[in-house]
Amino acid sequence: MSGTMGVKTILHPVTDLAKAKAIYGALLGMEPQADAPYYVGFEAEGQQIGLVPNGGQSGSNPAMSGPVAYWHVDDINAKLADVTAAGATVREAPRDVSNGRLVATFADADGNVLGLIQD
């Protein structure tokens, strides 16, 4: 098994992107570095804080029920194999979200959703 590079990204599902952007901007004291209708992202002290409209729904992806921490890994498919072999369930298979960045989500045995990112 390979390790991770830690949790560097946390995505928050939001219902009103404009209101959330204002609140998180005030909290972090900065403007977002990424600002699109489908994603608003802030880079704060090496941490990526993302706002995802409509609860993160994207077709087959079930709505996020709360913030999801994303663990950064070198090989997303290998890490998904490791966690599923240990009892996790894939929620969202790896997909390219921008310039080769792959994301996936899985649920632990208690249904907690965790994310993986490969750059």
PDB file of N, CA and C in Angstrom:
ATOM      1  N   MET A   1       0.837  -1.194   0.000  1.00  0.00           N
ATOM      2  CA  MET A   1       0.000   0.000   0.000  1.00  0.00           C
ATOM      3  C   MET A   1       0.876   1.250   0.000  1.00  0.00           C
ATOM      4  N   SER A   2       0.452   2.235  -0.752  1.00  0.00           N
ATOM      5  CA  SER A   2       1.149   3.515  -0.735  1.00  0.00           C
ATOM      6  C   SER A   2       0.406   4.476   0.179  1.00  0.00           C
ATOM      7  N   GLY A   3       1.105   5.483   0.673  1.00  0.00           N
ATOM      8  CA  GLY A   3       0.503   6.468   1.565  1.00  0.00           C
ATOM      9  C   GLY A   3      -0.202   7.564   0.795  1.00  0.00           C
ATOM     10  N   THR A   4      -0.452   8.655   1.482  1.00  0.00           N
ATOM     11  CA  THR A   4      -1.076   9.813   0.858  1.00  0.00           C
ATOM     12  C   THR A   4      -0.195  11.029   1.117  1.00  0.00           C
ATOM     13  N   MET A   5      -0.560  12.137   0.491  1.00  0.00           N
ATOM     14  CA  MET A   5       0.114  13.406   0.726  1.00  0.00           C
ATOM     15  C   MET A   5      -0.692  14.265   1.682  1.00  0.00           C
ATOM     16  N   GLY A   6      -1.681  13.650   2.346  1.00  0.00           N
ATOM     17  CA  GLY A   6      -2.491  14.364   3.322  1.00  0.00           C
ATOM     18  C   GLY A   6      -3.740  14.977   2.730  1.00  0.00           C
ATOM     19  N   VAL A   7      -4.563  15.512   3.624  1.00  0.00           N
ATOM     20  CA  VAL A   7      -5.781  16.208   3.211  1.00  0.00           C
ATOM     21  C   VAL A   7      -5.397  17.635   2.881  1.00  0.00           C
ATOM     22  N   LYS A   8      -5.581  18.010   1.626  1.00  0.00           N
ATOM     23  CA  LYS A   8      -5.248  19.362   1.189  1.00  0.00           C
ATOM     24  C   LYS A   8      -6.459  20.077   0.600  1.00  0.00           C
ATOM     25  N   THR A   9      -7.544  19.333   0.386  1.00  0.00           N
ATOM     26  CA  THR A   9      -8.724  19.894  -0.267  1.00  0.00           C
ATOM     27  C   THR A   9      -9.965  19.490   0.506  1.00  0.00           C
ATOM     28  N   ILE A  10     -10.821  20.466   0.786  1.00  0.00           N
ATOM     29  CA  ILE A  10     -12.111  20.191   1.415  1.00  0.00           C
ATOM     30  C   ILE A  10     -13.177  20.893   0.579  1.00  0.00           C
ATOM     31  N   LEU A  11     -14.151  20.103   0.101  1.00  0.00           N
ATOM     32  CA  LEU A  11     -15.231  20.656  -0.705  1.00  0.00           C
ATOM     33  C   LEU A  11     -16.495  20.755   0.140  1.00  0.00           C
ATOM     34  N   HIS A  12     -17.136  21.899   0.052  1.00  0.00           N
ATOM     35  CA  HIS A  12     -18.352  22.170   0.800  1.00  0.00           C
ATOM     36  C   HIS A  12     -19.521  22.272  -0.182  1.00  0.00           C
ATOM     37  N   PRO A  13     -20.578  21.444  -0.016  1.00  0.00           N
ATOM     38  CA  PRO A  13     -21.758  21.584  -0.861  1.00  0.00           C
ATOM     39  C   PRO A  13     -22.532  22.828  -0.438  1.00  0.00           C
ATOM     40  N   VAL A  14     -22.984  23.606  -1.420  1.00  0.00           N
ATOM     41  CA  VAL A  14     -23.724  24.837  -1.108  1.00  0.00           C
ATOM     42  C   VAL A  14     -24.964  24.931  -1.993  1.00  0.00           C
ATOM     43  N   THR A  15     -25.977  25.604  -1.478  1.00  0.00           N
ATOM     44  CA  THR A  15     -27.191  25.808  -2.259  1.00  0.00           C
ATOM     45  C   THR A  15     -27.186  27.162  -2.961  1.00  0.00           C
ATOM     46  N   ASP A  16     -26.505  28.153  -2.394  1.00  0.00           N
ATOM     47  CA  ASP A  16     -26.424  29.485  -2.995  1.00  0.00           C
ATOM     48  C   ASP A  16     -24.948  29.847  -3.109  1.00  0.00           C
ATOM     49  N   LEU A  17     -24.403  29.667  -4.318  1.00  0.00           N
ATOM     50  CA  LEU A  17     -22.969  29.871  -4.540  1.00  0.00           C
ATOM     51  C   LEU A  17     -22.535  31.303  -4.236  1.00  0.00           C
ATOM     52  N   ALA A  18     -23.335  32.292  -4.619  1.00  0.00           N
ATOM     53  CA  ALA A  18     -22.967  33.695  -4.385  1.00  0.00           C
ATOM     54  C   ALA A  18     -22.886  34.007  -2.890  1.00  0.00           C
ATOM     55  N   LYS A  19     -23.876  33.553  -2.137  1.00  0.00           N
ATOM     56  CA  LYS A  19     -23.848  33.795  -0.685  1.00  0.00           C
ATOM     57  C   LYS A  19     -22.678  33.071  -0.032  1.00  0.00           C
ATOM     58  N   ALA A  20     -22.461  31.823  -0.433  1.00  0.00           N
ATOM     59  CA  ALA A  20     -21.356  31.047   0.145  1.00  0.00           C
ATOM     60  C   ALA A  20     -20.020  31.694  -0.184  1.00  0.00           C
ATOM     61  N   LYS A  21     -19.862  32.169  -1.414  1.00  0.00           N
ATOM     62  CA  LYS A  21     -18.613  32.817  -1.824  1.00  0.00           C
ATOM     63  C   LYS A  21     -18.339  34.035  -0.945  1.00  0.00           C
ATOM     64  N   ALA A  22     -19.374  34.812  -0.649  1.00  0.00           N
ATOM     65  CA  ALA A  22     -19.203  35.997   0.201  1.00  0.00           C
ATOM     66  C   ALA A  22     -18.804  35.591   1.624  1.00  0.00           C
ATOM     67  N   ILE A  23     -19.452  34.576   2.163  1.00  0.00           N
ATOM     68  CA  ILE A  23     -19.163  34.147   3.539  1.00  0.00           C
ATOM     69  C   ILE A  23     -17.752  33.583   3.649  1.00  0.00           C
ATOM     70  N   TYR A  24     -17.381  32.669   2.738  1.00  0.00           N
ATOM     71  CA  TYR A  24     -16.043  32.074   2.809  1.00  0.00           C
ATOM     72  C   TYR A  24     -14.968  33.102   2.492  1.00  0.00           C
ATOM     73  N   GLY A  25     -15.280  34.052   1.609  1.00  0.00           N
ATOM     74  CA  GLY A  25     -14.339  35.133   1.331  1.00  0.00           C
ATOM     75  C   GLY A  25     -14.079  35.970   2.571  1.00  0.00           C
ATOM     76  N   ALA A  26     -15.151  36.253   3.318  1.00  0.00           N
ATOM     77  CA  ALA A  26     -15.005  37.012   4.564  1.00  0.00           C
ATOM     78  C   ALA A  26     -14.229  36.205   5.596  1.00  0.00           C
ATOM     79  N   LEU A  27     -14.525  34.912   5.691  1.00  0.00           N
ATOM     80  CA  LEU A  27     -13.824  34.054   6.640  1.00  0.00           C
ATOM     81  C   LEU A  27     -12.324  34.011   6.341  1.00  0.00           C
ATOM     82  N   LEU A  28     -11.985  33.816   5.084  1.00  0.00           N
ATOM     83  CA  LEU A  28     -10.587  33.637   4.694  1.00  0.00           C
ATOM     84  C   LEU A  28      -9.862  34.954   4.417  1.00  0.00           C
ATOM     85  N   GLY A  29     -10.621  36.045   4.269  1.00  0.00           N
ATOM     86  CA  GLY A  29     -10.012  37.346   4.022  1.00  0.00           C
ATOM     87  C   GLY A  29      -9.396  37.468   2.646  1.00  0.00           C
ATOM     88  N   MET A  30     -10.026  36.836   1.640  1.00  0.00           N
ATOM     89  CA  MET A  30      -9.469  36.880   0.283  1.00  0.00           C
ATOM     90  C   MET A  30     -10.554  36.609  -0.748  1.00  0.00           C
ATOM     91  N   GLU A  31     -10.216  36.912  -1.983  1.00  0.00           N
ATOM     92  CA  GLU A  31     -11.073  36.582  -3.117  1.00  0.00           C
ATOM     93  C   GLU A  31     -10.729  35.158  -3.561  1.00  0.00           C
ATOM     94  N   PRO A  32     -11.678  34.470  -4.199  1.00  0.00           N
ATOM     95  CA  PRO A  32     -11.389  33.115  -4.676  1.00  0.00           C
ATOM     96  C   PRO A  32     -10.382  33.120  -5.830  1.00  0.00           C
ATOM     97  N   GLN A  33      -9.579  32.065  -5.913  1.00  0.00           N
ATOM     98  CA  GLN A  33      -8.643  31.919  -7.024  1.00  0.00           C
ATOM     99  C   GLN A  33      -9.331  31.275  -8.227  1.00  0.00           C
ATOM    100  N   ALA A  34     -10.368  30.479  -7.982  1.00  0.00           N
ATOM    101  CA  ALA A  34     -11.175  29.881  -9.049  1.00  0.00           C
ATOM    102  C   ALA A  34     -12.606  30.335  -8.825  1.00  0.00           C
ATOM    103  N   ASP A  35     -13.230  30.855  -9.856  1.00  0.00           N
ATOM    104  CA  ASP A  35     -14.589  31.383  -9.711  1.00  0.00           C
ATOM    105  C   ASP A  35     -15.386  31.063 -10.969  1.00  0.00           C
ATOM    106  N   ALA A  36     -16.105  29.951 -10.925  1.00  0.00           N
ATOM    107  CA  ALA A  36     -16.907  29.513 -12.060  1.00  0.00           C
ATOM    108  C   ALA A  36     -18.294  29.124 -11.546  1.00  0.00           C
ATOM    109  N   PRO A  37     -19.274  29.027 -12.431  1.00  0.00           N
ATOM    110  CA  PRO A  37     -20.628  28.656 -11.994  1.00  0.00           C
ATOM    111  C   PRO A  37     -20.702  27.266 -11.359  1.00  0.00           C
ATOM    112  N   TYR A  38     -19.737  26.396 -11.655  1.00  0.00           N
ATOM    113  CA  TYR A  38     -19.749  25.021 -11.138  1.00  0.00           C
ATOM    114  C   TYR A  38     -18.788  24.797  -9.978  1.00  0.00           C
ATOM    115  N   TYR A  39     -17.949  25.806  -9.655  1.00  0.00           N
ATOM    116  CA  TYR A  39     -16.955  25.627  -8.589  1.00  0.00           C
ATOM    117  C   TYR A  39     -16.331  26.971  -8.230  1.00  0.00           C
ATOM    118  N   VAL A  40     -16.215  27.227  -6.932  1.00  0.00           N
ATOM    119  CA  VAL A  40     -15.480  28.397  -6.443  1.00  0.00           C
ATOM    120  C   VAL A  40     -14.422  27.860  -5.484  1.00  0.00           C
ATOM    121  N   GLY A  41     -13.172  28.221  -5.732  1.00  0.00           N
ATOM    122  CA  GLY A  41     -12.092  27.687  -4.910  1.00  0.00           C
ATOM    123  C   GLY A  41     -11.199  28.761  -4.319  1.00  0.00           C
ATOM    124  N   PHE A  42     -10.863  28.569  -3.061  1.00  0.00           N
ATOM    125  CA  PHE A  42      -9.948  29.452  -2.336  1.00  0.00           C
ATOM    126  C   PHE A  42      -8.694  28.659  -1.982  1.00  0.00           C
ATOM    127  N   GLU A  43      -7.525  29.283  -2.096  1.00  0.00           N
ATOM    128  CA  GLU A  43      -6.268  28.672  -1.681  1.00  0.00           C
ATOM    129  C   GLU A  43      -5.808  29.427  -0.437  1.00  0.00           C
ATOM    130  N   ALA A  44      -5.855  28.764   0.713  1.00  0.00           N
ATOM    131  CA  ALA A  44      -5.516  29.416   1.976  1.00  0.00           C
ATOM    132  C   ALA A  44      -4.471  28.596   2.720  1.00  0.00           C
ATOM    133  N   GLU A  45      -3.265  29.120   2.822  1.00  0.00           N
ATOM    134  CA  GLU A  45      -2.204  28.441   3.571  1.00  0.00           C
ATOM    135  C   GLU A  45      -1.986  27.009   3.100  1.00  0.00           C
ATOM    136  N   GLY A  46      -1.989  26.804   1.777  1.00  0.00           N
ATOM    137  CA  GLY A  46      -1.765  25.484   1.221  1.00  0.00           C
ATOM    138  C   GLY A  46      -2.980  24.583   1.227  1.00  0.00           C
ATOM    139  N   GLN A  47      -4.106  25.088   1.692  1.00  0.00           N
ATOM    140  CA  GLN A  47      -5.350  24.314   1.764  1.00  0.00           C
ATOM    141  C   GLN A  47      -6.297  24.809   0.675  1.00  0.00           C
ATOM    142  N   GLN A  48      -6.868  23.895  -0.094  1.00  0.00           N
ATOM    143  CA  GLN A  48      -7.861  24.259  -1.094  1.00  0.00           C
ATOM    144  C   GLN A  48      -9.243  24.116  -0.469  1.00  0.00           C
ATOM    145  N   ILE A  49      -9.983  25.224  -0.396  1.00  0.00           N
ATOM    146  CA  ILE A  49     -11.343  25.222   0.121  1.00  0.00           C
ATOM    147  C   ILE A  49     -12.255  25.461  -1.070  1.00  0.00           C
ATOM    148  N   GLY A  50     -13.074  24.453  -1.399  1.00  0.00           N
ATOM    149  CA  GLY A  50     -13.921  24.542  -2.576  1.00  0.00           C
ATOM    150  C   GLY A  50     -15.386  24.589  -2.228  1.00  0.00           C
ATOM    151  N   LEU A  51     -16.134  25.343  -3.011  1.00  0.00           N
ATOM    152  CA  LEU A  51     -17.586  25.447  -2.879  1.00  0.00           C
ATOM    153  C   LEU A  51     -18.202  24.829  -4.124  1.00  0.00           C
ATOM    154  N   VAL A  52     -19.086  23.847  -3.921  1.00  0.00           N
ATOM    155  CA  VAL A  52     -19.693  23.119  -5.024  1.00  0.00           C
ATOM    156  C   VAL A  52     -21.203  23.350  -4.981  1.00  0.00           C
ATOM    157  N   PRO A  53     -21.769  23.976  -6.029  1.00  0.00           N
ATOM    158  CA  PRO A  53     -23.207  24.254  -6.019  1.00  0.00           C
ATOM    159  C   PRO A  53     -24.043  22.987  -6.141  1.00  0.00           C
ATOM    160  N   ASN A  54     -25.286  23.083  -5.717  1.00  0.00           N
ATOM    161  CA  ASN A  54     -26.267  21.999  -5.825  1.00  0.00           C
ATOM    162  C   ASN A  54     -25.827  20.746  -5.093  1.00  0.00           C
ATOM    163  N   GLY A  55     -25.108  20.904  -4.012  1.00  0.00           N
ATOM    164  CA  GLY A  55     -24.731  19.764  -3.192  1.00  0.00           C
ATOM    165  C   GLY A  55     -23.773  18.814  -3.867  1.00  0.00           C
ATOM    166  N   GLY A  56     -23.070  19.249  -4.920  1.00  0.00           N
ATOM    167  CA  GLY A  56     -22.106  18.394  -5.579  1.00  0.00           C
ATOM    168  C   GLY A  56     -22.722  17.392  -6.531  1.00  0.00           C
ATOM    169  N   GLN A  57     -24.012  17.546  -6.869  1.00  0.00           N
ATOM    170  CA  GLN A  57     -24.650  16.587  -7.762  1.00  0.00           C
ATOM    171  C   GLN A  57     -24.109  16.734  -9.175  1.00  0.00           C
ATOM    172  N   SER A  58     -23.710  15.605  -9.753  1.00  0.00           N
ATOM    173  CA  SER A  58     -23.260  15.600 -11.147  1.00  0.00           C
ATOM    174  C   SER A  58     -23.674  14.279 -11.778  1.00  0.00           C
ATOM    175  N   GLY A  59     -24.905  14.186 -12.182  1.00  0.00           N
ATOM    176  CA  GLY A  59     -25.375  12.965 -12.815  1.00  0.00           C
ATOM    177  C   GLY A  59     -25.484  11.823 -11.819  1.00  0.00           C
ATOM    178  N   SER A  60     -24.556  10.864 -11.919  1.00  0.00           N
ATOM    179  CA  SER A  60     -24.636   9.682 -11.065  1.00  0.00           C
ATOM    180  C   SER A  60     -24.048   9.909  -9.682  1.00  0.00           C
ATOM    181  N   ASN A  61     -23.440  11.059  -9.459  1.00  0.00           N
ATOM    182  CA  ASN A  61     -22.813  11.331  -8.165  1.00  0.00           C
ATOM    183  C   ASN A  61     -23.882  11.714  -7.151  1.00  0.00           C
ATOM    184  N   PRO A  62     -24.069  10.917  -6.087  1.00  0.00           N
ATOM    185  CA  PRO A  62     -25.049  11.294  -5.072  1.00  0.00           C
ATOM    186  C   PRO A  62     -24.674  12.629  -4.424  1.00  0.00           C
ATOM    187  N   ALA A  63     -25.656  13.360  -3.991  1.00  0.00           N
ATOM    188  CA  ALA A  63     -25.409  14.655  -3.361  1.00  0.00           C
ATOM    189  C   ALA A  63     -24.520  14.489  -2.128  1.00  0.00           C
ATOM    190  N   MET A  64     -23.641  15.422  -1.962  1.00  0.00           N
ATOM    191  CA  MET A  64     -22.808  15.439  -0.767  1.00  0.00           C
ATOM    192  C   MET A  64     -23.692  15.867   0.392  1.00  0.00           C
ATOM    193  N   SER A  65     -23.519  15.237   1.537  1.00  0.00           N
ATOM    194  CA  SER A  65     -24.348  15.587   2.685  1.00  0.00           C
ATOM    195  C   SER A  65     -23.634  16.555   3.619  1.00  0.00           C
ATOM    196  N   GLY A  66     -22.392  16.825   3.376  1.00  0.00           N
ATOM    197  CA  GLY A  66     -21.599  17.737   4.179  1.00  0.00           C
ATOM    198  C   GLY A  66     -20.241  17.893   3.533  1.00  0.00           C
ATOM    199  N   PRO A  67     -19.333  18.620   4.167  1.00  0.00           N
ATOM    200  CA  PRO A  67     -17.998  18.789   3.591  1.00  0.00           C
ATOM    201  C   PRO A  67     -17.322  17.431   3.387  1.00  0.00           C
ATOM    202  N   VAL A  68     -16.564  17.322   2.310  1.00  0.00           N
ATOM    203  CA  VAL A  68     -15.815  16.106   2.014  1.00  0.00           C
ATOM    204  C   VAL A  68     -14.335  16.457   1.956  1.00  0.00           C
ATOM    205  N   ALA A  69     -13.540  15.756   2.766  1.00  0.00           N
ATOM    206  CA  ALA A  69     -12.089  15.933   2.767  1.00  0.00           C
ATOM    207  C   ALA A  69     -11.506  15.073   1.651  1.00  0.00           C
ATOM    208  N   TYR A  70     -10.619  15.660   0.860  1.00  0.00           N
ATOM    209  CA  TYR A  70      -9.986  14.958  -0.253  1.00  0.00           C
ATOM    210  C   TYR A  70      -8.518  14.716   0.061  1.00  0.00           C
ATOM    211  N   TRP A  71      -8.143  13.438   0.072  1.00  0.00           N
ATOM    212  CA  TRP A  71      -6.764  13.013   0.296  1.00  0.00           C
ATOM    213  C   TRP A  71      -6.044  13.028  -1.048  1.00  0.00           C
ATOM    214  N   HIS A  72      -4.885  13.655  -1.094  1.00  0.00           N
ATOM    215  CA  HIS A  72      -4.093  13.713  -2.321  1.00  0.00           C
ATOM    216  C   HIS A  72      -3.209  12.476  -2.411  1.00  0.00           C
ATOM    217  N   VAL A  73      -3.248  11.816  -3.580  1.00  0.00           N
ATOM    218  CA  VAL A  73      -2.519  10.567  -3.789  1.00  0.00           C
ATOM    219  C   VAL A  73      -1.793  10.589  -5.129  1.00  0.00           C
ATOM    220  N   ASP A  74      -0.772   9.734  -5.254  1.00  0.00           N
ATOM    221  CA  ASP A  74      -0.027   9.609  -6.511  1.00  0.00           C
ATOM    222  C   ASP A  74      -0.773   8.777  -7.541  1.00  0.00           C
ATOM    223  N   ASP A  75      -1.512   7.742  -7.080  1.00  0.00           N
ATOM    224  CA  ASP A  75      -2.186   6.808  -7.981  1.00  0.00           C
ATOM    225  C   ASP A  75      -3.599   6.555  -7.453  1.00  0.00           C
ATOM    226  N   ILE A  76      -4.560   7.259  -8.028  1.00  0.00           N
ATOM    227  CA  ILE A  76      -5.936   7.201  -7.525  1.00  0.00           C
ATOM    228  C   ILE A  76      -6.550   5.810  -7.678  1.00  0.00           C
ATOM    229  N   ASN A  77      -6.249   5.129  -8.781  1.00  0.00           N
ATOM    230  CA  ASN A  77      -6.816   3.797  -8.998  1.00  0.00           C
ATOM    231  C   ASN A  77      -6.256   2.787  -8.008  1.00  0.00           C
ATOM    232  N   ALA A  78      -4.957   2.872  -7.731  1.00  0.00           N
ATOM    233  CA  ALA A  78      -4.345   1.966  -6.756  1.00  0.00           C
ATOM    234  C   ALA A  78      -4.905   2.219  -5.359  1.00  0.00           C
ATOM    235  N   LYS A  79      -5.091   3.490  -4.997  1.00  0.00           N
ATOM    236  CA  LYS A  79      -5.610   3.800  -3.667  1.00  0.00           C
ATOM    237  C   LYS A  79      -7.068   3.351  -3.547  1.00  0.00           C
ATOM    238  N   LEU A  80      -7.866   3.522  -4.605  1.00  0.00           N
ATOM    239  CA  LEU A  80      -9.245   3.025  -4.573  1.00  0.00           C
ATOM    240  C   LEU A  80      -9.261   1.507  -4.411  1.00  0.00           C
ATOM    241  N   ALA A  81      -8.340   0.817  -5.074  1.00  0.00           N
ATOM    242  CA  ALA A  81      -8.248  -0.640  -4.923  1.00  0.00           C
ATOM    243  C   ALA A  81      -7.907  -1.001  -3.481  1.00  0.00           C
ATOM    244  N   ASP A  82      -6.980  -0.242  -2.867  1.00  0.00           N
ATOM    245  CA  ASP A  82      -6.596  -0.499  -1.475  1.00  0.00           C
ATOM    246  C   ASP A  82      -7.785  -0.344  -0.532  1.00  0.00           C
ATOM    247  N   VAL A  83      -8.515   0.764  -0.671  1.00  0.00           N
ATOM    248  CA  VAL A  83      -9.604   1.025   0.276  1.00  0.00           C
ATOM    249  C   VAL A  83     -10.803   0.114   0.042  1.00  0.00           C
ATOM    250  N   THR A  84     -11.075  -0.245  -1.222  1.00  0.00           N
ATOM    251  CA  THR A  84     -12.189  -1.163  -1.453  1.00  0.00           C
ATOM    252  C   THR A  84     -11.838  -2.565  -0.968  1.00  0.00           C
ATOM    253  N   ALA A  85     -10.591  -2.964  -1.110  1.00  0.00           N
ATOM    254  CA  ALA A  85     -10.168  -4.261  -0.579  1.00  0.00           C
ATOM    255  C   ALA A  85     -10.324  -4.295   0.940  1.00  0.00           C
ATOM    256  N   ALA A  86     -10.218  -3.129   1.566  1.00  0.00           N
ATOM    257  CA  ALA A  86     -10.353  -3.034   3.020  1.00  0.00           C
ATOM    258  C   ALA A  86     -11.813  -2.875   3.460  1.00  0.00           C
ATOM    259  N   GLY A  87     -12.756  -2.771   2.497  1.00  0.00           N
ATOM    260  CA  GLY A  87     -14.161  -2.697   2.858  1.00  0.00           C
ATOM    261  C   GLY A  87     -14.893  -1.436   2.451  1.00  0.00           C
ATOM    262  N   ALA A  88     -14.222  -0.475   1.816  1.00  0.00           N
ATOM    263  CA  ALA A  88     -14.881   0.757   1.378  1.00  0.00           C
ATOM    264  C   ALA A  88     -15.710   0.490   0.123  1.00  0.00           C
ATOM    265  N   THR A  89     -16.633   1.402  -0.162  1.00  0.00           N
ATOM    266  CA  THR A  89     -17.487   1.323  -1.345  1.00  0.00           C
ATOM    267  C   THR A  89     -17.265   2.560  -2.197  1.00  0.00           C
ATOM    268  N   VAL A  90     -16.963   2.360  -3.479  1.00  0.00           N
ATOM    269  CA  VAL A  90     -16.767   3.500  -4.386  1.00  0.00           C
ATOM    270  C   VAL A  90     -18.098   4.214  -4.570  1.00  0.00           C
ATOM    271  N   ARG A  91     -18.098   5.522  -4.373  1.00  0.00           N
ATOM    272  CA  ARG A  91     -19.300   6.344  -4.595  1.00  0.00           C
ATOM    273  C   ARG A  91     -19.234   6.995  -5.973  1.00  0.00           C
ATOM    274  N   GLU A  92     -18.052   7.504  -6.323  1.00  0.00           N
ATOM    275  CA  GLU A  92     -17.852   8.162  -7.617  1.00  0.00           C
ATOM    276  C   GLU A  92     -16.511   7.708  -8.161  1.00  0.00           C
ATOM    277  N   ALA A  93     -16.528   7.016  -9.303  1.00  0.00           N
ATOM    278  CA  ALA A  93     -15.296   6.532  -9.936  1.00  0.00           C
ATOM    279  C   ALA A  93     -14.428   7.723 -10.357  1.00  0.00           C
ATOM    280  N   PRO A  94     -13.133   7.516 -10.523  1.00  0.00           N
ATOM    281  CA  PRO A  94     -12.256   8.617 -10.925  1.00  0.00           C
ATOM    282  C   PRO A  94     -12.742   9.298 -12.200  1.00  0.00           C
ATOM    283  N   ARG A  95     -12.711  10.627 -12.164  1.00  0.00           N
ATOM    284  CA  ARG A  95     -13.064  11.410 -13.358  1.00  0.00           C
ATOM    285  C   ARG A  95     -12.164  12.620 -13.423  1.00  0.00           C
ATOM    286  N   ASP A  96     -11.911  13.081 -14.629  1.00  0.00           N
ATOM    287  CA  ASP A  96     -11.054  14.243 -14.869  1.00  0.00           C
ATOM    288  C   ASP A  96     -11.892  15.498 -14.674  1.00  0.00           C
ATOM    289  N   VAL A  97     -11.498  16.351 -13.734  1.00  0.00           N
ATOM    290  CA  VAL A  97     -12.254  17.578 -13.486  1.00  0.00           C
ATOM    291  C   VAL A  97     -11.600  18.811 -14.083  1.00  0.00           C
ATOM    292  N   SER A  98     -10.319  18.719 -14.444  1.00  0.00           N
ATOM    293  CA  SER A  98      -9.640  19.861 -15.049  1.00  0.00           C
ATOM    294  C   SER A  98      -8.176  19.527 -15.290  1.00  0.00           C
ATOM    295  N   ASN A  99      -7.761  19.610 -16.531  1.00  0.00           N
ATOM    296  CA  ASN A  99      -6.350  19.467 -16.893  1.00  0.00           C
ATOM    297  C   ASN A  99      -5.686  18.215 -16.326  1.00  0.00           C
ATOM    298  N   GLY A 100      -6.384  17.092 -16.371  1.00  0.00           N
ATOM    299  CA  GLY A 100      -5.811  15.844 -15.899  1.00  0.00           C
ATOM    300  C   GLY A 100      -5.951  15.577 -14.409  1.00  0.00           C
ATOM    301  N   ARG A 101      -6.532  16.516 -13.657  1.00  0.00           N
ATOM    302  CA  ARG A 101      -6.759  16.286 -12.223  1.00  0.00           C
ATOM    303  C   ARG A 101      -7.913  15.309 -12.083  1.00  0.00           C
ATOM    304  N   LEU A 102      -7.644  14.184 -11.412  1.00  0.00           N
ATOM    305  CA  LEU A 102      -8.652  13.149 -11.220  1.00  0.00           C
ATOM    306  C   LEU A 102      -9.200  13.217  -9.801  1.00  0.00           C
ATOM    307  N   VAL A 103     -10.508  13.042  -9.662  1.00  0.00           N
ATOM    308  CA  VAL A 103     -11.135  12.984  -8.344  1.00  0.00           C
ATOM    309  C   VAL A 103     -12.033  11.761  -8.286  1.00  0.00           C
ATOM    310  N   ALA A 104     -12.179  11.216  -7.090  1.00  0.00           N
ATOM    311  CA  ALA A 104     -13.072  10.087  -6.847  1.00  0.00           C
ATOM    312  C   ALA A 104     -13.537  10.182  -5.405  1.00  0.00           C
ATOM    313  N   THR A 105     -14.670   9.546  -5.103  1.00  0.00           N
ATOM    314  CA  THR A 105     -15.129   9.478  -3.715  1.00  0.00           C
ATOM    315  C   THR A 105     -15.472   8.041  -3.379  1.00  0.00           C
ATOM    316  N   PHE A 106     -15.363   7.731  -2.084  1.00  0.00           N
ATOM    317  CA  PHE A 106     -15.741   6.419  -1.583  1.00  0.00           C
ATOM    318  C   PHE A 106     -16.331   6.594  -0.196  1.00  0.00           C
ATOM    319  N   ALA A 107     -17.048   5.574   0.248  1.00  0.00           N
ATOM    320  CA  ALA A 107     -17.652   5.595   1.582  1.00  0.00           C
ATOM    321  C   ALA A 107     -16.983   4.535   2.439  1.00  0.00           C
ATOM    322  N   ASP A 108     -16.748   4.896   3.701  1.00  0.00           N
ATOM    323  CA  ASP A 108     -16.209   3.911   4.638  1.00  0.00           C
ATOM    324  C   ASP A 108     -17.357   3.013   5.112  1.00  0.00           C
ATOM    325  N   ALA A 109     -17.054   2.109   6.010  1.00  0.00           N
ATOM    326  CA  ALA A 109     -18.052   1.141   6.470  1.00  0.00           C
ATOM    327  C   ALA A 109     -19.247   1.785   7.156  1.00  0.00           C
ATOM    328  N   ASP A 110     -19.089   3.031   7.633  1.00  0.00           N
ATOM    329  CA  ASP A 110     -20.189   3.733   8.304  1.00  0.00           C
ATOM    330  C   ASP A 110     -20.905   4.711   7.389  1.00  0.00           C
ATOM    331  N   GLY A 111     -20.514   4.746   6.111  1.00  0.00           N
ATOM    332  CA  GLY A 111     -21.158   5.637   5.156  1.00  0.00           C
ATOM    333  C   GLY A 111     -20.547   7.016   5.070  1.00  0.00           C
ATOM    334  N   ASN A 112     -19.458   7.273   5.804  1.00  0.00           N
ATOM    335  CA  ASN A 112     -18.769   8.562   5.701  1.00  0.00           C
ATOM    336  C   ASN A 112     -18.105   8.658   4.335  1.00  0.00           C
ATOM    337  N   VAL A 113     -18.300   9.788   3.658  1.00  0.00           N
ATOM    338  CA  VAL A 113     -17.740   9.969   2.322  1.00  0.00           C
ATOM    339  C   VAL A 113     -16.368  10.615   2.430  1.00  0.00           C
ATOM    340  N   LEU A 114     -15.407  10.023   1.728  1.00  0.00           N
ATOM    341  CA  LEU A 114     -14.037  10.525   1.658  1.00  0.00           C
ATOM    342  C   LEU A 114     -13.683  10.689   0.192  1.00  0.00           C
ATOM    343  N   GLY A 115     -12.781  11.608  -0.088  1.00  0.00           N
ATOM    344  CA  GLY A 115     -12.390  11.858  -1.463  1.00  0.00           C
ATOM    345  C   GLY A 115     -10.922  11.614  -1.705  1.00  0.00           C
ATOM    346  N   LEU A 116     -10.601  11.372  -2.980  1.00  0.00           N
ATOM    347  CA  LEU A 116      -9.223  11.222  -3.424  1.00  0.00           C
ATOM    348  C   LEU A 116      -8.983  12.171  -4.591  1.00  0.00           C
ATOM    349  N   ILE A 117      -7.782  12.737  -4.649  1.00  0.00           N
ATOM    350  CA  ILE A 117      -7.375  13.598  -5.763  1.00  0.00           C
ATOM    351  C   ILE A 117      -6.007  13.144  -6.238  1.00  0.00           C
ATOM    352  N   GLN A 118      -5.873  13.055  -7.560  1.00  0.00           N
ATOM    353  CA  GLN A 118      -4.571  12.796  -8.175  1.00  0.00           C
ATOM    354  C   GLN A 118      -4.305  13.917  -9.151  1.00  0.00           C
ATOM    355  N   ASP A 119      -3.186  14.606  -8.979  1.00  0.00           N
ATOM    356  CA  ASP A 119      -2.807  15.686  -9.918  1.00  0.00           C
ATOM    357  C   ASP A 119      -1.931  15.146 -11.024  1.00  0.00           C
TER     358      ASP A 119
END
